[in-house]
Protein backbone atom coordinates (compact mmCIF):
# COMPACT_ATOMS: atom_id res chain seq x y z
CA MET A 1 0.24 -0.03 -0.17
CA GLN A 2 2.80 2.41 1.05
CA LYS A 3 4.53 2.15 -2.39
CA THR A 4 1.13 2.41 -4.09
CA LEU A 5 0.70 6.06 -2.60
CA ILE A 6 4.30 6.51 -3.01
CA LEU A 7 3.78 5.96 -6.85
CA THR A 8 0.47 7.78 -6.98
CA ALA A 9 2.06 10.87 -5.61
CA LEU A 10 4.94 10.77 -7.65
CA ALA A 11 2.52 10.38 -10.85
CA MET A 12 0.25 13.70 -9.78
CA MET A 13 3.42 15.50 -9.63
CA ALA A 14 4.42 14.54 -12.78
CA PHE A 15 1.19 15.47 -14.18
CA ALA A 16 1.06 18.98 -12.52
CA ALA A 17 4.63 19.31 -13.45
CA ASN A 18 3.86 19.65 -17.23
CA SER A 19 1.79 22.58 -16.23
CA VAL A 20 4.76 24.05 -14.46
CA LEU A 21 7.46 23.33 -17.33
CA CYS A 22 5.12 24.34 -20.12
CA ARG A 23 4.24 27.44 -18.80
CA MET A 24 7.81 28.44 -17.36
CA ALA A 25 8.93 27.63 -21.06
CA LEU A 26 6.20 29.36 -22.92
CA GLY A 27 5.36 32.24 -20.52
CA ASP A 28 8.79 33.62 -20.27
CA GLY A 29 9.25 33.12 -24.00
CA HIS A 30 12.32 30.37 -24.01
CA ILE A 31 10.46 28.41 -26.77
CA ASP A 32 7.69 28.62 -29.32
CA ALA A 33 4.70 26.37 -28.77
CA ALA A 34 5.16 24.35 -31.79
CA SER A 35 8.77 23.24 -31.04
CA PHE A 36 7.93 22.83 -27.22
CA THR A 37 5.25 20.35 -28.69
CA SER A 38 7.59 18.56 -31.01
CA LEU A 39 10.25 18.07 -28.22
CA ARG A 40 7.90 16.84 -25.78
CA VAL A 41 6.18 14.40 -27.76
CA MET A 42 9.90 13.31 -29.43
CA SER A 43 11.71 12.81 -26.13
CA GLY A 44 8.77 11.19 -24.46
CA ALA A 45 8.40 8.55 -27.31
CA LEU A 46 11.94 7.74 -27.21
CA VAL A 47 11.97 7.45 -23.46
CA LEU A 48 8.83 5.24 -23.91
CA ALA A 49 10.31 3.06 -26.79
CA VAL A 50 13.35 2.46 -24.37
CA ILE A 51 11.25 1.08 -21.76
CA VAL A 52 8.92 -0.76 -23.75
CA TYR A 53 12.02 -2.41 -25.67
CA PHE A 54 13.50 -3.62 -22.42
CA ARG A 55 10.48 -4.87 -20.76
CA SER A 56 9.71 -6.75 -23.67
CA GLY A 57 12.58 -8.34 -24.34
CA GLY A 58 14.75 -6.60 -27.04
CA GLN A 59 11.59 -5.93 -29.30
CA VAL A 60 8.70 -2.95 -29.48
CA PRO A 61 5.31 -5.07 -30.59
CA ARG A 62 3.27 -3.02 -32.51
CA ASP A 63 0.04 -1.63 -30.97
CA ALA A 64 -1.19 1.15 -33.06
CA ASP A 65 -4.41 3.19 -33.06
CA TRP A 66 -4.51 6.14 -35.09
CA ARG A 67 -7.50 7.58 -33.23
CA ALA A 68 -5.61 7.58 -30.02
CA ALA A 69 -2.63 9.17 -31.44
CA LEU A 70 -4.68 12.06 -33.02
CA ALA A 71 -6.03 12.54 -30.04
CA LEU A 72 -2.72 12.64 -28.07
CA PHE A 73 -1.45 14.76 -30.87
CA ALA A 74 -4.51 17.26 -30.36
CA TYR A 75 -3.85 17.46 -26.42
CA MET A 76 -0.22 17.94 -26.69
CA ALA A 77 -0.63 20.66 -29.22
CA PHE A 78 -3.51 22.90 -27.93
CA PHE A 79 -1.93 22.25 -24.15
CA SER A 80 1.25 24.06 -25.18
CA PHE A 81 -0.43 26.88 -27.18
CA ALA A 82 -2.81 27.51 -24.36
CA TYR A 83 -0.21 28.03 -21.96
CA LEU A 84 1.17 30.96 -24.09
CA SER A 85 -1.36 33.06 -22.12
CA LEU A 86 -2.61 30.83 -19.09
CA GLY A 87 -1.16 30.70 -15.79
CA ALA A 88 0.01 26.72 -14.66
CA GLY A 89 -3.02 26.68 -11.93
CA THR A 90 -5.82 27.84 -14.33
CA GLY A 91 -4.60 25.92 -16.95
CA ALA A 92 -4.37 22.65 -15.24
CA LEU A 93 -8.14 23.41 -13.69
CA VAL A 94 -9.72 24.17 -17.25
CA LEU A 95 -7.91 21.26 -18.54
CA PHE A 96 -8.48 18.46 -15.25
CA GLY A 97 -12.26 20.00 -15.38
CA THR A 98 -12.85 19.47 -19.06
CA VAL A 99 -11.34 15.96 -19.09
CA GLN A 100 -13.56 14.86 -16.41
CA LEU A 101 -16.98 16.52 -17.76
CA THR A 102 -15.90 14.76 -21.04
CA MET A 103 -15.80 11.44 -19.51
CA PHE A 104 -19.07 12.46 -17.63
CA VAL A 105 -20.67 13.28 -20.93
CA VAL A 106 -19.56 9.87 -22.44
CA ALA A 107 -21.01 7.87 -19.44
CA LEU A 108 -24.17 9.44 -19.76
CA ARG A 109 -24.61 8.88 -23.25
CA SER A 110 -23.62 5.47 -23.08
CA GLY A 111 -26.63 4.95 -20.56
CA GLU A 112 -24.97 5.20 -17.17
CA TYR A 113 -27.10 6.05 -14.61
CA PHE A 114 -26.96 9.35 -12.23
CA SER A 115 -28.14 10.27 -9.35
CA ALA A 116 -29.87 13.63 -8.04
CA LEU A 117 -26.96 14.34 -6.23
CA SER A 118 -24.36 13.31 -9.26
CA TRP A 119 -26.79 16.00 -11.32
CA VAL A 120 -26.01 18.67 -8.76
CA GLY A 121 -22.36 17.87 -8.44
CA LEU A 122 -22.10 17.96 -12.17
CA ALA A 123 -23.96 21.27 -12.21
CA VAL A 124 -21.65 22.58 -9.62
CA ALA A 125 -18.71 21.66 -11.71
CA ILE A 126 -20.12 23.12 -14.66
CA ALA A 127 -20.73 26.53 -12.74
CA GLY A 128 -17.20 26.56 -11.30
CA LEU A 129 -15.60 26.61 -14.78
CA VAL A 130 -17.97 29.22 -16.41
CA TYR A 131 -17.60 31.38 -13.36
CA LEU A 132 -13.67 30.98 -14.04
CA LEU A 133 -14.04 31.95 -17.50
CA SER A 134 -16.65 34.74 -17.35
CA PRO A 135 -15.70 38.03 -18.61
CA GLY A 136 -13.91 40.20 -15.63
CA VAL A 137 -10.94 41.60 -14.48
CA THR A 138 -9.39 38.72 -13.37
CA ALA A 139 -10.54 36.32 -16.12
CA PRO A 140 -8.11 34.07 -17.86
CA ASP A 141 -7.43 35.06 -21.43
CA LEU A 142 -10.30 33.70 -23.35
CA LEU A 143 -8.45 32.28 -26.34
CA GLY A 144 -5.83 30.62 -24.01
CA ALA A 145 -8.79 28.87 -22.00
CA VAL A 146 -10.61 27.93 -25.41
CA LEU A 147 -7.45 25.85 -26.44
CA MET A 148 -7.48 24.50 -23.26
CA VAL A 149 -11.00 23.22 -23.31
CA VAL A 150 -10.01 21.39 -26.75
CA ALA A 151 -6.86 19.98 -25.32
CA GLY A 152 -9.11 18.68 -22.23
CA ILE A 153 -11.66 16.85 -24.69
CA SER A 154 -8.68 15.46 -26.34
CA TRP A 155 -7.28 14.10 -23.28
CA GLY A 156 -10.43 12.82 -22.46
CA ILE A 157 -11.18 11.02 -25.58
CA TYR A 158 -7.59 9.72 -25.48
CA SER A 159 -8.23 8.32 -21.78
CA LEU A 160 -11.45 6.65 -22.66
CA LEU A 161 -9.86 5.03 -26.14
CA GLY A 162 -6.80 3.94 -23.51
CA ARG A 163 -9.36 1.80 -21.86
CA GLN A 164 -9.33 -0.60 -24.45
CA ALA A 165 -5.51 -1.10 -24.79
CA ALA A 166 -4.62 -4.70 -23.51
CA ASP A 167 -1.11 -3.24 -22.67
CA PRO A 168 -1.49 0.64 -21.75
CA GLY A 169 2.22 1.40 -21.52
CA ARG A 170 2.98 -0.25 -25.12
CA ALA A 171 -0.13 1.28 -26.46
CA THR A 172 1.15 4.82 -25.26
CA ALA A 173 4.72 4.25 -26.50
CA TRP A 174 2.92 3.65 -29.90
CA ASN A 175 0.75 6.64 -29.57
CA PHE A 176 3.70 9.15 -29.21
CA LEU A 177 5.67 7.50 -31.80
CA LEU A 178 2.53 7.74 -34.28
CA SER A 179 2.24 11.61 -33.19
CA VAL A 180 5.84 12.40 -33.86
CA PRO A 181 4.96 13.36 -37.83
CA LEU A 182 2.09 15.15 -36.74
CA VAL A 183 4.00 17.52 -34.27
CA LEU A 184 7.07 17.93 -36.95
CA LEU A 185 3.77 18.88 -39.66
CA THR A 186 3.15 21.50 -36.78
CA SER A 187 6.36 22.81 -36.18
CA LEU A 188 6.65 23.27 -40.09
CA VAL A 189 3.47 25.23 -40.34
CA PHE A 190 4.61 27.63 -37.45
CA MET A 191 8.10 27.71 -38.71
CA ASP A 192 7.84 31.65 -38.69
CA GLN A 193 7.27 31.65 -35.31
CA TYR A 194 10.35 29.47 -34.28
CA HIS A 195 12.50 30.39 -31.77
CA ALA A 196 14.38 28.30 -28.98
CA THR A 197 16.72 29.11 -26.10
CA SER A 198 19.01 26.23 -24.41
CA LEU A 199 16.24 26.55 -21.30
CA GLY A 200 13.64 26.13 -23.28
CA ILE A 201 14.71 23.38 -25.07
CA LEU A 202 15.72 21.78 -21.61
CA LEU A 203 12.34 22.62 -20.31
CA ALA A 204 10.58 20.76 -23.20
CA ILE A 205 12.52 17.64 -22.62
CA LEU A 206 12.13 17.24 -19.06
CA SER A 207 8.33 17.53 -19.76
CA GLY A 208 8.47 14.97 -22.51
CA VAL A 209 10.91 12.39 -20.80
CA PHE A 210 9.86 12.72 -16.98
CA ALA A 211 6.66 14.66 -16.56
CA SER A 212 5.05 12.66 -19.50
CA GLY A 213 7.36 9.31 -20.50
CA ILE A 214 8.18 8.19 -16.96
CA GLY A 215 5.29 10.01 -15.12
CA TYR A 216 2.72 7.67 -17.50
CA VAL A 217 5.06 4.56 -16.54
CA ILE A 218 4.60 5.22 -12.96
CA TRP A 219 1.21 6.01 -13.41
CA TYR A 220 0.39 2.68 -15.14
CA ALA A 221 2.36 0.99 -12.24
CA ALA A 222 0.02 2.98 -9.41
CA LEU A 223 -3.15 2.17 -11.39
CA ARG A 224 -2.85 -1.89 -10.80
CA GLU A 225 -3.58 -0.96 -7.24
CA LEU A 226 -6.29 1.41 -7.55
CA ALA A 227 -9.89 1.42 -8.11
CA ALA A 228 -10.99 3.30 -10.99
CA THR A 229 -12.95 5.70 -8.84
CA SER A 230 -10.00 6.06 -6.93
CA ALA A 231 -7.56 6.68 -9.60
CA ALA A 232 -9.92 9.23 -10.72
CA THR A 233 -10.85 11.12 -7.40
CA VAL A 234 -6.77 11.43 -6.78
CA GLN A 235 -6.38 13.13 -10.06
CA LEU A 236 -8.45 16.03 -8.31
CA SER A 237 -5.02 16.98 -6.87
CA VAL A 238 -3.39 18.09 -10.15
CA PRO A 239 -4.95 21.41 -10.23
CA VAL A 240 -4.01 22.08 -6.76
CA ILE A 241 -0.42 20.95 -7.31
CA ALA A 242 0.16 22.72 -10.51
CA ALA A 243 -1.23 26.22 -8.46
CA ILE A 244 1.24 25.69 -5.77
CA GLY A 245 4.26 25.20 -8.37
CA GLY A 246 2.98 28.16 -9.91
CA VAL A 247 3.24 30.16 -7.11
CA MET A 248 6.48 29.07 -5.77
CA LEU A 249 8.52 29.02 -9.21
CA LEU A 250 6.50 31.17 -11.55
CA SER A 251 5.41 33.88 -8.81
CA GLU A 252 1.90 33.37 -10.21
CA GLU A 253 -0.91 35.37 -7.91
CA VAL A 254 -3.67 32.86 -6.71
CA THR A 255 -7.03 35.11 -7.26
CA LEU A 256 -10.50 34.79 -5.61
CA ARG A 257 -11.52 33.89 -8.79
CA LEU A 258 -9.40 30.74 -9.12
CA LEU A 259 -10.00 29.60 -5.80
CA VAL A 260 -13.56 29.86 -5.84
CA ALA A 261 -13.60 28.18 -9.50
CA SER A 262 -11.14 25.45 -8.01
CA ALA A 263 -13.53 24.64 -5.13
CA ALA A 264 -16.67 24.40 -7.16
CA THR A 265 -15.24 22.52 -9.92
CA LEU A 266 -13.08 19.99 -8.12
CA GLY A 267 -15.99 19.78 -5.55
CA GLY A 268 -18.19 18.89 -7.97
CA VAL A 269 -16.25 16.17 -9.64
CA ALA A 270 -15.62 14.90 -6.24
CA ILE A 271 -19.17 14.59 -5.84
CA VAL A 272 -20.00 13.23 -9.10
CA LEU A 273 -17.05 10.51 -8.54
CA SER A 274 -18.12 9.75 -4.73
CA GLN A 275 -21.72 8.78 -6.12
CA ARG A 276 -20.35 6.54 -9.08
CA LYS A 277 -18.22 4.80 -6.45
CA ALA A 278 -21.47 4.06 -4.16
CA GLN A 279 -23.20 2.79 -7.37
């Protein structure tokens, strides 16, 4: 149990680190968004391929799914461009809230029963995001928020597709590999915006190797001992960790709007998850 707790904590910190590293690289102009995405995906693909290679006895068995690869690419690309203007904590909250709402909508469409309290939780979570994004002095950049919503929907779809994978680690490695041509094409399209410092390149590689590649491997190891609802619930910590990282490392301000929206969104999601667990 202690090992599972340690692995889970490490995975949550890795997920939150993606937001902090991306904002650190893009917010200060150390690298352009397309190049950050390309380096993140390529370095993540490399480390995942190496891990699968040694784990599979000197080979990387093919486990390709172009739908999942496209969803992963969309998440990676829109995530990076969103962080050109969003703070680490705000971006993580919009991303996480959208991911969970996407998965709840799919559950509803598939005929899953939602209790009255679940509907209340869902309404509160949506209200939290609407409040966060509503016009005002402390409102986040609208374009950045929209881009992060698209990233969240993409990650939600990717997560749902991943449930069908026989070997999540191998499937993730292949999805990263299949995304490489797509991110390189994106870099080509945005070539006129290209710029990269050594720090920007380092941050992108750290995001790809540790926060993405190794982070996903750690998460899959933790998932073996976690119930599905517990796995979903523990991810409530990601926006909070990202916000703390943003304050400590990026000197970002935590506004009253972000605190209220976080309480509503994460609280609402927690209500829905607790009701699903009870069922």
